[in-house]
Amino acid sequence: MARHILFGGSFDPIHHGHLIVARAAMEKCGAAGVVLMPARVSPHKTHRPITDAHHRFNMISLAIKAEPAFAVSRVEINRLGPSYTWDTVNALENAHPDQKFVLLLGWDQLTGMGTWYRVNELLARVDVAVLPRGDQNTGKSLRPAGVSARTWRKLLSAVIDTPRIDISSTAIRDRVRRGLSIAYLVPDPVARYIARHRLYRQA
């Protein structure tokens, strides 16, 4: 059964850091490909307006156009309401019964996983890979409420060795607002798309 990395997020915008760690995770996990999953409405990022989903989808499509192992999915942006990973996994497994999905998470997501919908059932049914971030040892005794000990052990044992790329979508949006270059931070077609559609010009 082919394995594919499932990499979800806002991707507002997608940048080279996303692409580098996705490629590294695919290689580390022996996966056949990566499915990038832009969230329509992330239940964990409600503190700021998010760029319209069709723009974020288009930017991902441009970023991965030359990468045959990468794909972008509309599963979450076509769904009304918040994007719960449980629902996404159900939809993907039903549509692709011949594939197995490996959920790619950032280390900074772990401490908030107690708020995830059906988190323990989710992590019991899918494989997971965790991107390193800072000093992982600081989180080993901080199991969030709602996350079972078994789930927590699985998460802590799933950290993979990938490059640590210090690029953030927040910083890119800020540079655009200030009229600064985002060259080398995002793929050139994405930079041109941002400029053409005048994205991120206002706070």
Protein backbone atom coordinates (compact mmCIF):
# COMPACT_ATOMS: atom_id res chain seq x y z
CA MET A 1 0.00 0.00 0.00
CA ALA A 2 1.51 3.34 -1.07
CA ARG A 3 2.20 5.86 1.68
CA HIS A 4 1.63 9.57 1.21
CA ILE A 5 2.51 12.44 3.51
CA LEU A 6 -0.54 14.50 4.47
CA PHE A 7 0.63 18.07 5.07
CA GLY A 8 -2.12 20.43 6.16
CA GLY A 9 -2.06 24.09 7.06
CA SER A 10 -3.13 27.57 6.11
CA PHE A 11 -0.30 28.02 3.56
CA ASP A 12 -0.91 31.77 3.62
CA PRO A 13 1.29 31.85 1.60
CA ILE A 14 3.15 28.63 0.85
CA HIS A 15 6.93 29.17 0.98
CA HIS A 16 10.20 27.33 0.40
CA GLY A 17 10.30 26.14 4.01
CA HIS A 18 7.07 24.21 3.47
CA LEU A 19 8.42 22.59 0.33
CA ILE A 20 11.80 21.67 1.81
CA VAL A 21 10.39 19.96 4.89
CA ALA A 22 7.71 18.22 2.82
CA ARG A 23 10.38 16.72 0.56
CA ALA A 24 12.51 15.72 3.56
CA ALA A 25 9.53 14.09 5.31
CA MET A 26 8.64 12.17 2.17
CA GLU A 27 12.18 10.79 1.97
CA LYS A 28 12.46 10.01 5.70
CA CYS A 29 9.13 8.16 5.74
CA GLY A 30 9.71 6.31 2.48
CA ALA A 31 6.51 7.84 1.10
CA ALA A 32 5.55 7.95 -2.55
CA GLY A 33 4.32 11.52 -2.46
CA VAL A 34 2.99 14.49 -0.52
CA VAL A 35 -0.57 15.78 -0.41
CA LEU A 36 -0.72 19.46 0.57
CA MET A 37 -4.03 20.25 2.23
CA PRO A 38 -4.93 23.95 2.54
CA ALA A 39 -7.46 24.49 5.31
CA ARG A 40 -10.62 26.41 4.48
CA VAL A 41 -11.10 27.54 8.08
CA SER A 42 -8.58 26.28 10.60
CA PRO A 43 -10.21 25.75 14.02
CA HIS A 44 -6.85 26.69 15.57
CA LYS A 45 -6.26 29.96 13.67
CA THR A 46 -9.32 32.09 14.21
CA HIS A 47 -7.44 35.16 15.48
CA ARG A 48 -6.90 36.73 12.06
CA PRO A 49 -8.63 36.85 8.69
CA ILE A 50 -7.24 34.25 6.30
CA THR A 51 -6.67 34.81 2.60
CA ASP A 52 -9.41 33.42 0.38
CA ALA A 53 -8.99 29.69 -0.18
CA HIS A 54 -8.86 29.92 -3.98
CA HIS A 55 -5.79 32.18 -3.77
CA ARG A 56 -4.02 29.83 -1.37
CA PHE A 57 -4.91 26.82 -3.52
CA ASN A 58 -3.65 28.58 -6.65
CA MET A 59 -0.37 29.54 -4.97
CA ILE A 60 0.24 25.94 -3.89
CA SER A 61 -0.54 24.72 -7.41
CA LEU A 62 2.04 27.12 -8.82
CA ALA A 63 4.63 26.18 -6.19
CA ILE A 64 4.45 22.44 -6.93
CA LYS A 65 3.84 22.56 -10.69
CA ALA A 66 7.26 21.10 -11.47
CA GLU A 67 7.17 18.50 -8.67
CA PRO A 68 5.35 15.34 -9.81
CA ALA A 69 5.45 13.77 -6.35
CA PHE A 70 3.48 16.64 -4.81
CA ALA A 71 -0.26 17.22 -5.10
CA VAL A 72 -2.72 19.70 -3.64
CA SER A 73 -6.18 18.70 -2.45
CA ARG A 74 -9.45 20.63 -2.32
CA VAL A 75 -10.98 18.33 0.31
CA GLU A 76 -10.87 20.88 3.12
CA ILE A 77 -11.50 24.06 1.17
CA ASN A 78 -14.60 22.51 -0.41
CA ARG A 79 -15.99 21.58 3.00
CA LEU A 80 -18.18 24.06 4.87
CA GLY A 81 -17.16 24.96 8.40
CA PRO A 82 -13.88 24.33 10.23
CA SER A 83 -11.33 21.89 8.82
CA TYR A 84 -11.08 18.95 11.20
CA THR A 85 -8.29 16.49 10.43
CA TRP A 86 -10.53 13.57 11.44
CA ASP A 87 -12.98 14.45 8.64
CA THR A 88 -10.15 14.98 6.18
CA VAL A 89 -8.61 11.56 6.86
CA ASN A 90 -12.02 9.92 6.49
CA ALA A 91 -12.56 11.61 3.13
CA LEU A 92 -9.10 10.72 1.81
CA GLU A 93 -9.23 7.10 2.94
CA ASN A 94 -12.66 6.67 1.36
CA ALA A 95 -11.48 8.23 -1.91
CA HIS A 96 -8.12 6.39 -1.96
CA PRO A 97 -8.50 3.00 -0.24
CA ASP A 98 -5.22 1.86 -1.81
CA GLN A 99 -3.20 4.57 -0.03
CA LYS A 100 -1.99 5.03 3.53
CA PHE A 101 -1.56 8.56 4.86
CA VAL A 102 1.14 9.81 7.22
CA LEU A 103 0.09 12.94 9.08
CA LEU A 104 2.87 15.53 9.13
CA LEU A 105 2.86 17.80 12.19
CA GLY A 106 5.03 20.62 13.45
CA TRP A 107 6.48 20.31 16.94
CA ASP A 108 4.69 23.52 17.94
CA GLN A 109 1.34 21.84 17.22
CA LEU A 110 1.80 19.13 19.84
CA THR A 111 1.03 21.19 22.92
CA GLY A 112 -2.35 22.19 21.46
CA MET A 113 -3.41 18.73 20.38
CA GLY A 114 -5.71 18.30 23.35
CA THR A 115 -8.17 20.57 21.54
CA TRP A 116 -8.14 18.51 18.34
CA TYR A 117 -11.36 16.74 17.40
CA ARG A 118 -11.17 13.02 18.33
CA VAL A 119 -7.40 13.31 18.65
CA ASN A 120 -6.76 9.93 20.28
CA GLU A 121 -8.89 8.05 17.73
CA LEU A 122 -7.21 9.98 14.92
CA LEU A 123 -3.68 9.17 16.07
CA ALA A 124 -4.62 5.51 16.58
CA ARG A 125 -5.62 5.13 12.94
CA VAL A 126 -2.92 7.07 11.08
CA ASP A 127 0.85 7.10 11.10
CA VAL A 128 2.43 10.39 12.09
CA ALA A 129 5.68 12.26 11.51
CA VAL A 130 6.67 15.25 13.63
CA LEU A 131 8.94 18.03 12.44
CA PRO A 132 11.57 19.12 14.98
CA ARG A 133 11.33 22.59 16.49
CA GLY A 134 13.71 23.94 19.13
CA ASP A 135 14.43 21.79 22.18
CA GLN A 136 12.04 18.85 22.05
CA ASN A 137 13.01 17.74 25.55
CA THR A 138 11.06 20.65 27.04
CA GLY A 139 7.80 19.07 25.93
CA LYS A 140 8.30 15.51 27.14
CA SER A 141 6.60 16.03 30.49
CA LEU A 142 3.93 18.40 29.22
CA ARG A 143 1.29 16.03 27.88
CA PRO A 144 -1.79 18.17 27.12
CA ALA A 145 -5.11 17.44 28.80
CA GLY A 146 -7.23 15.30 26.49
CA VAL A 147 -4.26 13.53 24.90
CA SER A 148 -3.83 9.96 26.12
CA ALA A 149 -0.48 8.68 27.34
CA ARG A 150 -0.41 6.25 24.42
CA THR A 151 -1.03 9.03 21.89
CA TRP A 152 1.62 11.22 23.51
CA ARG A 153 4.23 8.46 23.36
CA LYS A 154 3.44 7.94 19.69
CA LEU A 155 3.89 11.64 18.96
CA LEU A 156 7.16 11.95 20.88
CA SER A 157 8.60 8.89 19.14
CA ALA A 158 7.65 10.18 15.68
CA VAL A 159 10.06 13.14 15.45
CA ILE A 160 12.00 12.96 12.20
CA ASP A 161 15.28 14.59 11.26
CA THR A 162 14.57 17.34 8.74
CA PRO A 163 16.17 20.69 7.90
CA ARG A 164 15.05 23.55 10.12
CA ILE A 165 14.07 26.38 7.80
CA ASP A 166 13.46 29.70 9.54
CA ILE A 167 10.86 31.08 7.13
CA SER A 168 7.34 31.95 8.21
CA SER A 169 4.21 32.94 6.32
CA THR A 170 3.67 35.67 8.93
CA ALA A 171 7.02 37.25 8.13
CA ILE A 172 6.34 37.03 4.39
CA ARG A 173 2.98 38.79 4.76
CA ASP A 174 4.67 41.46 6.85
CA ARG A 175 7.38 42.03 4.25
CA VAL A 176 4.77 42.43 1.51
CA ARG A 177 2.87 44.97 3.62
CA ARG A 178 6.09 46.95 4.11
CA GLY A 179 6.95 46.83 0.41
CA LEU A 180 9.98 44.58 0.90
CA SER A 181 11.15 41.81 -1.40
CA ILE A 182 10.10 38.21 -0.79
CA ALA A 183 12.56 36.84 -3.34
CA TYR A 184 14.06 33.48 -2.28
CA LEU A 185 11.38 33.08 0.42
CA VAL A 186 8.68 31.81 -1.93
CA PRO A 187 8.89 30.25 -5.41
CA ASP A 188 9.02 32.89 -8.14
CA PRO A 189 5.56 32.03 -9.55
CA VAL A 190 4.09 32.52 -6.07
CA ALA A 191 5.80 35.90 -5.69
CA ARG A 192 4.39 36.98 -9.04
CA TYR A 193 0.92 35.76 -8.09
CA ILE A 194 1.03 37.73 -4.82
CA ALA A 195 2.06 40.87 -6.70
CA ARG A 196 -0.50 40.42 -9.48
CA HIS A 197 -3.40 39.93 -7.07
CA ARG A 198 -2.10 42.53 -4.59
CA LEU A 199 -2.28 40.09 -1.70
CA TYR A 200 -1.11 41.02 1.81
CA ARG A 201 -0.93 44.74 1.06
CA GLN A 202 -3.04 45.67 4.08
CA ALA A 203 -2.86 44.53 7.70
